[in-house]
Amino acid sequence: TGATGYAVDLFFSEYIEGSSSNKSIEIFNGTGSSVNLSDYKVALYSNGSTTPSSSLILSGTLENDDVYVISHPSANTNILAVTDLTNTVVNFNGNDALALIKISTGAYVDIFGVIGNDPGTAWLGENNYTTINSTLVRKSSVAQGVTQNPTGTGAYAFTTLVTEWDLYP
């Protein structure tokens, strides 16, 4: 948690990149208050692009200590059972960046991957970390998202992959 004991803003808390259309992203609210989602959008940056290939303006209210799950419309029934919204903004394949953007300020509140960097097949990290065919869950010690796009290039440019995420098959 941050200095106040709460998260600074919303952030991505889980990323699922599975076979076929089994893809999902989870957004966590640990701010201590309800958040109006209409001030946020998710943007997908495909294949190293600096321009979003897809974006989605969110809606509704996300209560404190709750999550909002966006899944691919063709994901399996287990994923869809916990989904709040289906949309193809999660049509990523392990080498695409995602951003959670606060519309009123235009600021990134979280970035998954590296916008403008094509790492090849996937971003990688030590201990066999990979963003392809993986489920990644944000570590409980994380109190805010990545607000500045990392500057590196290549498969190891996603510098918070290992330090902020736990990897599951």
Protein backbone atom coordinates (compact mmCIF):
# COMPACT_ATOMS: atom_id res chain seq x y z
CA THR A 1 0.00 0.00 0.00
CA GLY A 2 0.99 3.62 -0.46
CA ALA A 3 1.77 6.17 2.27
CA THR A 4 -1.95 6.44 3.12
CA GLY A 5 -2.34 2.69 3.43
CA TYR A 6 -4.18 2.57 0.11
CA ALA A 7 -3.26 2.15 -3.53
CA VAL A 8 -2.47 5.36 -5.39
CA ASP A 9 -4.94 4.59 -8.20
CA LEU A 10 -6.39 1.63 -10.07
CA PHE A 11 -3.91 -0.81 -11.59
CA PHE A 12 -3.71 -4.08 -13.50
CA SER A 13 -3.71 -6.95 -11.02
CA GLU A 14 -3.92 -10.03 -13.27
CA TYR A 15 -3.04 -10.83 -16.87
CA ILE A 16 -4.06 -14.06 -18.59
CA GLU A 17 -2.58 -14.88 -21.98
CA GLY A 18 -3.60 -18.40 -22.85
CA SER A 19 -4.12 -20.43 -25.96
CA SER A 20 -6.58 -19.29 -28.60
CA SER A 21 -8.88 -16.56 -27.22
CA ASN A 22 -8.29 -17.31 -23.54
CA LYS A 23 -7.21 -13.79 -22.66
CA SER A 24 -8.17 -11.54 -19.80
CA ILE A 25 -7.03 -8.52 -17.81
CA GLU A 26 -8.07 -7.67 -14.25
CA ILE A 27 -8.13 -4.14 -12.80
CA PHE A 28 -7.90 -3.68 -9.01
CA ASN A 29 -9.23 -0.85 -6.86
CA GLY A 30 -7.39 -0.59 -3.56
CA THR A 31 -7.77 3.19 -3.23
CA GLY A 32 -10.02 3.13 -0.17
CA SER A 33 -12.96 4.60 -2.11
CA SER A 34 -15.33 3.71 -4.92
CA VAL A 35 -14.05 4.76 -8.34
CA ASN A 36 -16.09 5.93 -11.33
CA LEU A 37 -14.73 3.83 -14.19
CA SER A 38 -15.94 6.24 -16.88
CA ASP A 39 -12.76 8.27 -16.27
CA TYR A 40 -10.59 5.33 -17.40
CA LYS A 41 -9.81 3.55 -20.62
CA VAL A 42 -7.77 0.49 -21.54
CA ALA A 43 -5.59 0.76 -24.65
CA LEU A 44 -3.94 -2.12 -26.53
CA TYR A 45 -0.68 -1.42 -28.36
CA SER A 46 -0.04 -4.27 -30.79
CA ASN A 47 3.31 -5.44 -32.16
CA GLY A 48 5.44 -2.55 -30.92
CA SER A 49 3.11 0.23 -32.07
CA THR A 50 3.03 3.59 -30.29
CA THR A 51 -0.59 4.07 -31.38
CA PRO A 52 -3.37 1.98 -29.81
CA SER A 53 -4.78 -0.72 -32.10
CA SER A 54 -7.84 -0.87 -29.85
CA SER A 55 -9.19 0.99 -26.85
CA LEU A 56 -12.11 0.69 -24.49
CA ILE A 57 -13.64 3.40 -22.30
CA LEU A 58 -14.84 1.76 -19.10
CA SER A 59 -18.14 2.42 -17.33
CA GLY A 60 -19.76 1.77 -13.99
CA THR A 61 -18.36 1.97 -10.48
CA LEU A 62 -15.60 -0.18 -9.03
CA GLU A 63 -15.87 -0.52 -5.28
CA ASN A 64 -12.79 -0.42 -3.06
CA ASP A 65 -11.05 -3.79 -2.72
CA ASP A 66 -12.82 -5.15 -5.80
CA VAL A 67 -11.68 -6.08 -9.30
CA TYR A 68 -13.02 -5.47 -12.80
CA VAL A 69 -12.30 -8.23 -15.31
CA ILE A 70 -12.26 -7.74 -19.09
CA SER A 71 -12.02 -10.93 -21.14
CA HIS A 72 -12.03 -11.89 -24.78
CA PRO A 73 -15.60 -12.74 -25.91
CA SER A 74 -14.45 -16.21 -27.05
CA ALA A 75 -12.58 -17.11 -23.85
CA ASN A 76 -13.40 -20.41 -22.15
CA THR A 77 -16.33 -20.70 -19.74
CA ASN A 78 -14.11 -20.64 -16.62
CA ILE A 79 -12.72 -17.23 -17.60
CA LEU A 80 -16.10 -15.90 -18.71
CA ALA A 81 -17.64 -16.96 -15.38
CA VAL A 82 -15.60 -14.28 -13.57
CA THR A 83 -15.76 -11.64 -16.31
CA ASP A 84 -17.42 -8.24 -15.91
CA LEU A 85 -17.12 -7.27 -19.58
CA THR A 86 -16.13 -8.99 -22.82
CA ASN A 87 -14.25 -6.96 -25.41
CA THR A 88 -11.54 -7.52 -28.01
CA VAL A 89 -9.31 -4.87 -26.39
CA VAL A 90 -7.79 -7.93 -24.71
CA ASN A 91 -6.91 -9.55 -28.04
CA PHE A 92 -3.21 -9.57 -27.10
CA ASN A 93 -0.74 -12.36 -27.77
CA GLY A 94 2.14 -12.02 -25.32
CA ASN A 95 4.10 -9.33 -27.15
CA ASP A 96 1.57 -6.48 -26.98
CA ALA A 97 1.50 -3.67 -24.42
CA LEU A 98 -1.57 -2.55 -22.48
CA ALA A 99 -2.20 0.75 -20.75
CA LEU A 100 -4.76 1.88 -18.21
CA ILE A 101 -5.25 5.59 -18.83
CA LYS A 102 -7.06 8.20 -16.72
CA ILE A 103 -9.10 10.13 -19.28
CA SER A 104 -9.42 13.40 -17.31
CA THR A 105 -5.64 13.80 -17.05
CA GLY A 106 -4.46 11.76 -20.04
CA ALA A 107 -1.97 10.09 -17.69
CA TYR A 108 -1.00 6.45 -17.62
CA VAL A 109 -2.06 4.87 -14.33
CA ASP A 110 -0.57 1.51 -15.34
CA ILE A 111 1.35 0.00 -18.24
CA PHE A 112 1.78 -3.70 -18.90
CA GLY A 113 4.78 -4.29 -21.14
CA VAL A 114 6.54 -1.52 -23.05
CA ILE A 115 4.60 0.71 -25.44
CA GLY A 116 6.46 1.03 -28.73
CA ASN A 117 8.61 -2.07 -28.20
CA ASP A 118 8.11 -5.33 -30.07
CA PRO A 119 9.93 -7.94 -27.99
CA GLY A 120 9.48 -10.70 -30.56
CA THR A 121 7.26 -13.51 -29.29
CA ALA A 122 7.00 -12.33 -25.67
CA TRP A 123 8.59 -10.28 -22.92
CA LEU A 124 10.92 -12.39 -20.82
CA GLY A 125 12.48 -12.29 -17.39
CA GLU A 126 14.75 -14.41 -15.24
CA ASN A 127 13.39 -17.63 -13.71
CA ASN A 128 11.53 -18.49 -16.95
CA TYR A 129 9.18 -15.52 -16.73
CA THR A 130 7.26 -14.95 -19.94
CA THR A 131 4.15 -13.09 -21.05
CA ILE A 132 3.05 -15.78 -23.50
CA ASN A 133 0.82 -18.68 -22.40
CA SER A 134 1.00 -17.40 -18.82
CA THR A 135 -1.08 -16.07 -16.00
CA LEU A 136 0.58 -13.20 -14.19
CA VAL A 137 -0.73 -11.91 -10.86
CA ARG A 138 0.50 -8.62 -9.38
CA LYS A 139 2.43 -9.06 -6.16
CA SER A 140 0.58 -7.91 -3.03
CA SER A 141 3.38 -5.43 -2.28
CA VAL A 142 2.48 -3.33 -5.35
CA ALA A 143 0.57 -0.14 -4.46
CA GLN A 144 0.48 1.57 -7.84
CA GLY A 145 0.88 0.90 -11.51
CA VAL A 146 3.73 1.72 -13.83
CA THR A 147 3.06 5.36 -14.78
CA GLN A 148 6.05 5.97 -17.06
CA ASN A 149 6.60 3.86 -20.16
CA PRO A 150 9.86 1.89 -19.76
CA THR A 151 12.57 3.00 -22.17
CA GLY A 152 14.25 -0.29 -22.99
CA THR A 153 13.93 -2.42 -26.10
CA GLY A 154 13.94 -6.14 -26.72
CA ALA A 155 12.51 -9.13 -24.91
CA TYR A 156 13.88 -8.06 -21.50
CA ALA A 157 12.66 -4.42 -21.63
CA PHE A 158 9.61 -5.08 -19.41
CA THR A 159 11.72 -4.41 -16.32
CA THR A 160 8.95 -4.86 -13.71
CA LEU A 161 7.87 -8.27 -15.05
CA VAL A 162 9.76 -10.26 -12.42
CA THR A 163 9.75 -7.70 -9.57
CA GLU A 164 6.01 -6.91 -9.65
CA TRP A 165 4.36 -10.08 -11.00
CA ASP A 166 4.00 -13.71 -9.91
CA LEU A 167 3.99 -16.22 -12.77
CA TYR A 168 1.58 -19.15 -13.11
CA PRO A 169 1.19 -21.59 -16.01
